[in-house]
């Protein structure tokens, strides 16, 4: 059959298979996501290979990897699907989506410093309301190009905080938080008055040894350091660790300073030997957002997911942090 004849047989489902197979790099995983069978997806992949004259997926060690041609087709395929969704899909998809029966996989990229309870609570809520879904969480880090991942459909939602979120994405504000410092109870700043001449000064703050997560992009600054740089200031970062939940434990046993949102700090202030102190530098509120692409903007499933994220965040804002007596004991390193 000629390529012209094959082209005339292209339908939207074939484009969807193309996008899903390339995104998943696996026929079996694509079949699960498409709610189809592996032989059916393999047959459609064969048609796509004939049409493109390219293998699209090739063996790479123990897994499959997309070819350059496949990667070049990914964003055009995503655009076609998004336009089709805008034209025809959003009205009917609202009626068709049922969280109690769906077996979709929700993929989120998120930081762990909004609230240490956020991701566990969200996962439990999704599994309770949609018992057949799969949930995959990837860390929002410098290794992830979240804009590209959203555009390619590799993740459904990105959750984090930015001074200025990308204007090419849809966004929903989740909460605003005050920027404070966490220090150990033995840190000099913990014993200083909050105000007055003897209060912790900007110079003292900058000279302290700080712990911070890496920036989200290589060579870029995180939001704390971006704000400091705009004022011609620079702090003394001696430890960088992408695992934010570990940082309070580092602070508790050292003279390190952690600068972040009050909500995160309060979760640990009653569990560890740490104190929350006012930051001498005036910071704007730390705003947390969920971001998504046009590709999923009209999807009923994605809209439902965004609603669950928003509801979990609202619920956590109503929960008081546990007292030290109520907190779970901290295990020793031995």
Protein backbone atom coordinates (compact mmCIF):
# COMPACT_ATOMS: atom_id res chain seq x y z
CA UNK A 1 0.00 0.00 0.00
CA UNK A 2 1.33 3.44 -0.90
CA UNK A 3 2.01 6.13 1.66
CA UNK A 4 -0.80 8.19 0.16
CA UNK A 5 -3.26 5.39 0.78
CA UNK A 6 -1.95 4.94 4.32
CA UNK A 7 -2.23 8.65 4.99
CA UNK A 8 -5.89 8.62 3.95
CA UNK A 9 -6.53 5.98 6.62
CA UNK A 10 -5.06 8.05 9.47
CA UNK A 11 -7.58 8.80 12.19
CA UNK A 12 -7.37 10.49 15.56
CA UNK A 13 -6.95 7.21 17.41
CA UNK A 14 -3.75 6.54 15.46
CA UNK A 15 -2.37 9.94 16.48
CA UNK A 16 -3.27 9.13 20.08
CA UNK A 17 -1.43 5.81 19.85
CA UNK A 18 1.59 7.58 18.38
CA UNK A 19 1.67 10.10 21.23
CA UNK A 20 1.10 7.50 23.95
CA UNK A 21 3.62 4.93 22.67
CA UNK A 22 6.34 7.56 22.34
CA UNK A 23 5.55 9.01 25.77
CA UNK A 24 5.48 5.62 27.48
CA UNK A 25 8.36 4.09 25.46
CA UNK A 26 6.51 0.81 25.86
CA UNK A 27 3.75 -0.90 23.90
CA UNK A 28 2.45 -2.71 26.98
CA UNK A 29 2.27 0.44 29.11
CA UNK A 30 0.69 2.34 26.22
CA UNK A 31 -1.95 -0.37 25.91
CA UNK A 32 -2.82 0.00 29.61
CA UNK A 33 -3.03 3.77 29.35
CA UNK A 34 -5.16 3.56 26.20
CA UNK A 35 -7.35 0.85 27.75
CA UNK A 36 -6.55 -1.33 24.75
CA UNK A 37 -4.79 -4.64 24.14
CA UNK A 38 -1.09 -5.03 23.44
CA UNK A 39 -1.67 -6.74 20.04
CA UNK A 40 -3.95 -3.88 18.96
CA UNK A 41 -1.39 -1.24 19.91
CA UNK A 42 1.38 -3.25 18.22
CA UNK A 43 -0.68 -3.38 15.04
CA UNK A 44 -1.19 0.40 15.11
CA UNK A 45 2.50 0.95 15.79
CA UNK A 46 3.27 -1.14 12.71
CA UNK A 47 1.01 1.15 10.64
CA UNK A 48 2.81 4.19 12.05
CA UNK A 49 6.20 2.71 11.18
CA UNK A 50 5.08 2.07 7.63
CA UNK A 51 3.75 5.60 7.32
CA UNK A 52 6.84 7.31 8.74
CA UNK A 53 9.45 4.92 7.36
CA UNK A 54 11.02 4.95 10.83
CA UNK A 55 11.07 2.38 13.67
CA UNK A 56 9.93 5.08 16.14
CA UNK A 57 10.95 2.91 19.11
CA UNK A 58 14.25 1.03 19.29
CA UNK A 59 15.80 -1.28 21.84
CA UNK A 60 18.14 0.49 24.29
CA UNK A 61 19.52 -1.95 26.83
CA UNK A 62 16.63 -3.42 28.81
CA UNK A 63 14.13 -0.81 27.63
CA UNK A 64 12.90 0.97 24.53
CA UNK A 65 13.81 4.51 23.47
CA UNK A 66 12.19 6.88 20.94
CA UNK A 67 14.08 7.73 17.78
CA UNK A 68 14.80 11.30 16.72
CA UNK A 69 11.93 11.08 14.25
CA UNK A 70 9.59 9.94 17.03
CA UNK A 71 10.61 12.84 19.25
CA UNK A 72 10.07 15.30 16.40
CA UNK A 73 6.50 14.00 16.01
CA UNK A 74 5.61 14.20 19.70
CA UNK A 75 4.70 17.87 20.01
CA UNK A 76 2.77 18.01 16.69
CA UNK A 77 0.81 14.95 17.82
CA UNK A 78 0.09 16.62 21.17
CA UNK A 79 -1.12 19.74 19.37
CA UNK A 80 -3.47 17.73 17.14
CA UNK A 81 -4.95 15.95 20.16
CA UNK A 82 -5.35 19.21 22.05
CA UNK A 83 -7.15 20.87 19.14
CA UNK A 84 -9.43 17.86 18.73
CA UNK A 85 -10.19 17.94 22.44
CA UNK A 86 -11.04 21.64 22.23
CA UNK A 87 -13.31 21.07 19.23
CA UNK A 88 -15.22 17.98 20.26
CA UNK A 89 -14.05 16.41 23.47
CA UNK A 90 -14.64 18.63 26.46
CA UNK A 91 -18.45 18.47 26.52
CA UNK A 92 -18.81 14.73 26.16
CA UNK A 93 -15.78 13.89 28.30
CA UNK A 94 -17.46 15.49 31.33
CA UNK A 95 -20.25 12.94 31.04
CA UNK A 96 -17.94 10.04 30.32
CA UNK A 97 -15.44 10.44 33.17
CA UNK A 98 -16.25 8.42 36.27
CA UNK A 99 -13.54 8.34 38.97
CA UNK A 100 -15.01 5.20 40.52
CA UNK A 101 -14.43 3.14 37.38
CA UNK A 102 -11.55 4.80 35.54
CA UNK A 103 -8.18 3.04 35.42
CA UNK A 104 -6.17 6.03 34.20
CA UNK A 105 -2.65 6.78 35.35
CA UNK A 106 -2.20 10.24 36.84
CA UNK A 107 1.32 11.61 36.60
CA UNK A 108 2.37 14.53 38.77
CA UNK A 109 5.62 16.42 39.11
CA UNK A 110 5.81 18.05 42.52
CA UNK A 111 8.09 19.49 45.14
CA UNK A 112 7.96 18.16 48.68
CA UNK A 113 8.15 21.51 50.43
CA UNK A 114 4.56 22.74 50.11
CA UNK A 115 3.63 20.58 53.09
CA UNK A 116 5.20 17.21 54.02
CA UNK A 117 1.68 15.75 54.34
CA UNK A 118 0.47 17.00 50.95
CA UNK A 119 1.58 14.20 48.63
CA UNK A 120 0.63 11.38 51.05
CA UNK A 121 -2.80 12.95 51.60
CA UNK A 122 -3.33 13.50 47.88
CA UNK A 123 -2.37 9.94 47.03
CA UNK A 124 -4.71 8.53 49.68
CA UNK A 125 -7.55 10.73 48.44
CA UNK A 126 -7.07 9.72 44.81
CA UNK A 127 -6.97 6.04 45.71
CA UNK A 128 -10.06 6.38 47.90
CA UNK A 129 -12.17 8.24 45.34
CA UNK A 130 -10.75 6.49 42.26
CA UNK A 131 -9.70 3.02 43.47
CA UNK A 132 -8.53 1.80 40.07
CA UNK A 133 -6.23 4.68 39.14
CA UNK A 134 -2.47 4.55 39.21
CA UNK A 135 -0.55 7.49 40.63
CA UNK A 136 3.00 8.32 39.58
CA UNK A 137 4.86 11.18 41.28
CA UNK A 138 8.16 12.48 39.95
CA UNK A 139 10.33 14.98 41.73
CA UNK A 140 10.26 18.51 40.41
CA UNK A 141 13.99 19.07 40.07
CA UNK A 142 16.68 20.41 37.75
CA UNK A 143 16.65 17.06 35.93
CA UNK A 144 13.06 17.57 34.77
CA UNK A 145 12.06 20.02 32.04
CA UNK A 146 8.53 20.36 33.34
CA UNK A 147 7.34 22.60 30.48
CA UNK A 148 8.36 20.01 27.90
CA UNK A 149 6.98 17.15 30.00
CA UNK A 150 3.60 18.88 30.18
CA UNK A 151 3.61 19.65 26.44
CA UNK A 152 4.44 16.04 25.62
CA UNK A 153 1.84 14.61 27.96
CA UNK A 154 4.50 12.93 30.09
CA UNK A 155 3.01 14.53 33.21
CA UNK A 156 -0.51 15.79 33.77
CA UNK A 157 0.17 18.37 36.44
CA UNK A 158 3.11 20.24 37.98
CA UNK A 159 2.92 21.51 41.55
CA UNK A 160 5.45 23.90 43.03
CA UNK A 161 6.28 27.52 43.78
CA UNK A 162 7.64 30.19 41.48
CA UNK A 163 8.13 33.94 41.72
CA UNK A 164 6.72 34.19 38.19
CA UNK A 165 5.07 31.02 36.81
CA UNK A 166 5.39 30.32 33.10
CA UNK A 167 2.86 32.38 31.14
CA UNK A 168 2.61 29.66 28.50
CA UNK A 169 0.83 27.31 30.92
CA UNK A 170 -2.49 27.35 32.72
CA UNK A 171 -2.18 27.86 36.46
CA UNK A 172 -4.21 27.66 39.62
CA UNK A 173 -2.99 29.25 42.84
CA UNK A 174 -3.05 26.83 45.76
CA UNK A 175 -1.84 28.90 48.71
CA UNK A 176 0.41 31.74 49.82
CA UNK A 177 2.85 31.31 52.69
CA UNK A 178 5.10 33.53 54.77
CA UNK A 179 8.86 33.07 54.29
CA UNK A 180 10.59 32.31 57.59
CA UNK A 181 13.78 30.64 58.82
CA UNK A 182 14.18 27.35 60.61
CA UNK A 183 17.17 27.00 62.95
CA UNK A 184 18.13 24.61 65.71
CA UNK A 185 17.33 25.55 69.30
CA UNK A 186 21.09 25.96 69.83
CA UNK A 187 21.51 28.44 66.97
CA UNK A 188 22.42 31.99 68.07
CA UNK A 189 19.46 33.36 66.08
CA UNK A 190 17.08 31.32 68.23
CA UNK A 191 18.06 33.34 71.30
CA UNK A 192 17.95 36.81 69.78
CA UNK A 193 14.98 39.16 70.26
CA UNK A 194 12.54 39.47 67.37
CA UNK A 195 12.92 43.24 67.15
CA UNK A 196 15.24 46.01 68.25
CA UNK A 197 18.94 46.69 67.95
CA UNK A 198 19.89 43.18 69.10
CA UNK A 199 17.58 41.43 66.63
CA UNK A 200 19.02 39.14 63.95
CA UNK A 201 20.41 41.41 61.24
CA UNK A 202 20.53 41.00 57.48
CA UNK A 203 24.34 40.78 57.56
CA UNK A 204 24.24 38.09 60.24
CA UNK A 205 21.64 36.14 58.27
CA UNK A 206 23.66 36.24 55.05
CA UNK A 207 26.88 35.20 56.84
CA UNK A 208 25.28 32.12 58.44
CA UNK A 209 25.70 28.69 56.90
CA UNK A 210 22.60 27.86 54.88
CA UNK A 211 21.04 24.67 53.53
CA UNK A 212 18.88 24.82 50.39
CA UNK A 213 17.50 22.67 47.58
CA UNK A 214 19.05 22.95 44.10
CA UNK A 215 17.42 25.33 41.64
CA UNK A 216 14.91 23.89 39.17
CA UNK A 217 17.13 24.74 36.21
CA UNK A 218 20.92 24.30 35.90
CA UNK A 219 22.68 27.61 36.42
CA UNK A 220 19.51 29.29 37.65
CA UNK A 221 18.67 30.57 41.11
CA UNK A 222 15.97 29.27 43.41
CA UNK A 223 13.21 31.67 44.41
CA UNK A 224 14.91 32.63 47.70
CA UNK A 225 18.23 33.41 46.05
CA UNK A 226 16.53 35.06 43.08
CA UNK A 227 14.87 37.53 45.43
CA UNK A 228 18.13 38.11 47.32
CA UNK A 229 20.04 38.68 44.08
CA UNK A 230 17.49 41.29 42.99
CA UNK A 231 18.50 43.25 46.11
CA UNK A 232 22.22 42.72 45.58
CA UNK A 233 22.40 40.15 48.38
CA UNK A 234 23.84 36.65 48.55
CA UNK A 235 23.67 34.08 51.32
CA UNK A 236 26.29 31.50 52.27
CA UNK A 237 24.91 28.15 51.07
CA UNK A 238 27.12 25.28 52.27
CA UNK A 239 24.71 22.35 51.73
CA UNK A 240 22.41 21.63 48.79
CA UNK A 241 20.05 18.67 48.98
CA UNK A 242 17.12 17.96 46.62
CA UNK A 243 15.32 15.92 49.29
CA UNK A 244 13.58 18.74 51.10
CA UNK A 245 12.05 16.57 53.81
CA UNK A 246 15.57 15.74 55.03
CA UNK A 247 16.54 19.38 55.57
CA UNK A 248 14.79 19.91 58.94
CA UNK A 249 16.72 16.98 60.39
CA UNK A 250 19.97 18.51 59.14
CA UNK A 251 19.01 21.82 60.72
CA UNK A 252 18.09 20.23 64.05
CA UNK A 253 21.59 18.84 64.56
CA UNK A 254 23.65 21.74 63.25
CA UNK A 255 23.91 25.50 62.91
CA UNK A 256 22.47 25.46 59.39
CA UNK A 257 19.69 27.86 58.43
CA UNK A 258 16.74 26.79 56.26
CA UNK A 259 14.70 29.56 54.62
CA UNK A 260 11.29 28.43 53.39
CA UNK A 261 7.54 28.69 54.00
CA UNK A 262 6.13 28.84 57.50
CA UNK A 263 3.68 26.02 56.84
CA UNK A 264 6.46 23.54 56.07
CA UNK A 265 8.45 24.63 59.12
CA UNK A 266 5.49 24.32 61.47
CA UNK A 267 5.15 20.64 60.61
CA UNK A 268 8.55 20.04 62.19
CA UNK A 269 8.76 22.71 64.90
CA UNK A 270 6.93 20.54 67.43
CA UNK A 271 8.76 17.35 66.48
CA UNK A 272 12.41 18.39 66.31
CA UNK A 273 14.70 20.62 68.33
CA UNK A 274 14.18 23.53 65.95
CA UNK A 275 12.70 27.01 66.13
CA UNK A 276 10.97 29.20 63.58
CA UNK A 277 12.44 32.69 63.52
CA UNK A 278 11.69 35.82 61.55
CA UNK A 279 13.82 36.25 58.45
CA UNK A 280 15.72 39.58 58.56
CA UNK A 281 15.24 39.97 54.81
CA UNK A 282 11.75 40.99 53.70
CA UNK A 283 10.42 38.41 51.23
CA UNK A 284 7.18 38.48 49.26
CA UNK A 285 4.74 35.67 50.06
CA UNK A 286 5.76 32.24 48.79
CA UNK A 287 3.04 31.29 46.29
CA UNK A 288 2.32 27.69 45.35
CA UNK A 289 0.62 26.81 42.08
CA UNK A 290 -0.52 23.88 40.01
CA UNK A 291 0.39 24.21 36.34
CA UNK A 292 -1.01 22.35 33.34
CA UNK A 293 -0.86 22.47 29.55
CA UNK A 294 -3.49 23.18 26.91
CA UNK A 295 -3.25 19.48 26.10
CA UNK A 296 -5.21 18.58 29.24
CA UNK A 297 -7.06 21.83 29.88
CA UNK A 298 -10.46 20.51 28.74
CA UNK A 299 -9.96 16.94 29.94
CA UNK A 300 -12.59 15.97 32.51
CA UNK A 301 -10.14 13.58 34.19
CA UNK A 302 -7.49 16.27 34.48
CA UNK A 303 -10.03 18.79 35.72
CA UNK A 304 -11.09 16.31 38.39
CA UNK A 305 -7.43 15.77 39.36
CA UNK A 306 -6.89 19.52 39.74
CA UNK A 307 -9.97 19.74 41.95
CA UNK A 308 -8.59 17.02 44.23
CA UNK A 309 -5.26 18.84 44.53
CA UNK A 310 -7.05 22.05 45.47
CA UNK A 311 -9.28 20.30 48.01
CA UNK A 312 -6.35 18.53 49.69
CA UNK A 313 -4.45 21.80 50.05
CA UNK A 314 -7.52 23.48 51.53
CA UNK A 315 -7.94 20.62 53.97
CA UNK A 316 -4.34 20.79 55.12
CA UNK A 317 -4.67 24.50 55.80
CA UNK A 318 -7.35 23.66 58.38
CA UNK A 319 -5.24 21.04 60.17
CA UNK A 320 -3.05 22.24 63.04
CA UNK A 321 0.48 20.77 63.22
CA UNK A 322 0.81 18.05 65.90
CA UNK A 323 2.32 18.88 69.26
CA UNK A 324 5.59 17.28 70.24
CA UNK A 325 3.72 14.81 72.44
CA UNK A 326 1.45 13.82 69.54
CA UNK A 327 4.23 13.56 66.97
CA UNK A 328 5.63 10.24 65.93
CA UNK A 329 9.02 9.47 67.50
CA UNK A 330 12.04 10.21 65.32
CA UNK A 331 14.15 7.14 64.68
CA UNK A 332 17.84 7.36 65.33
CA UNK A 333 20.34 6.76 62.55
CA UNK A 334 21.66 3.62 64.23
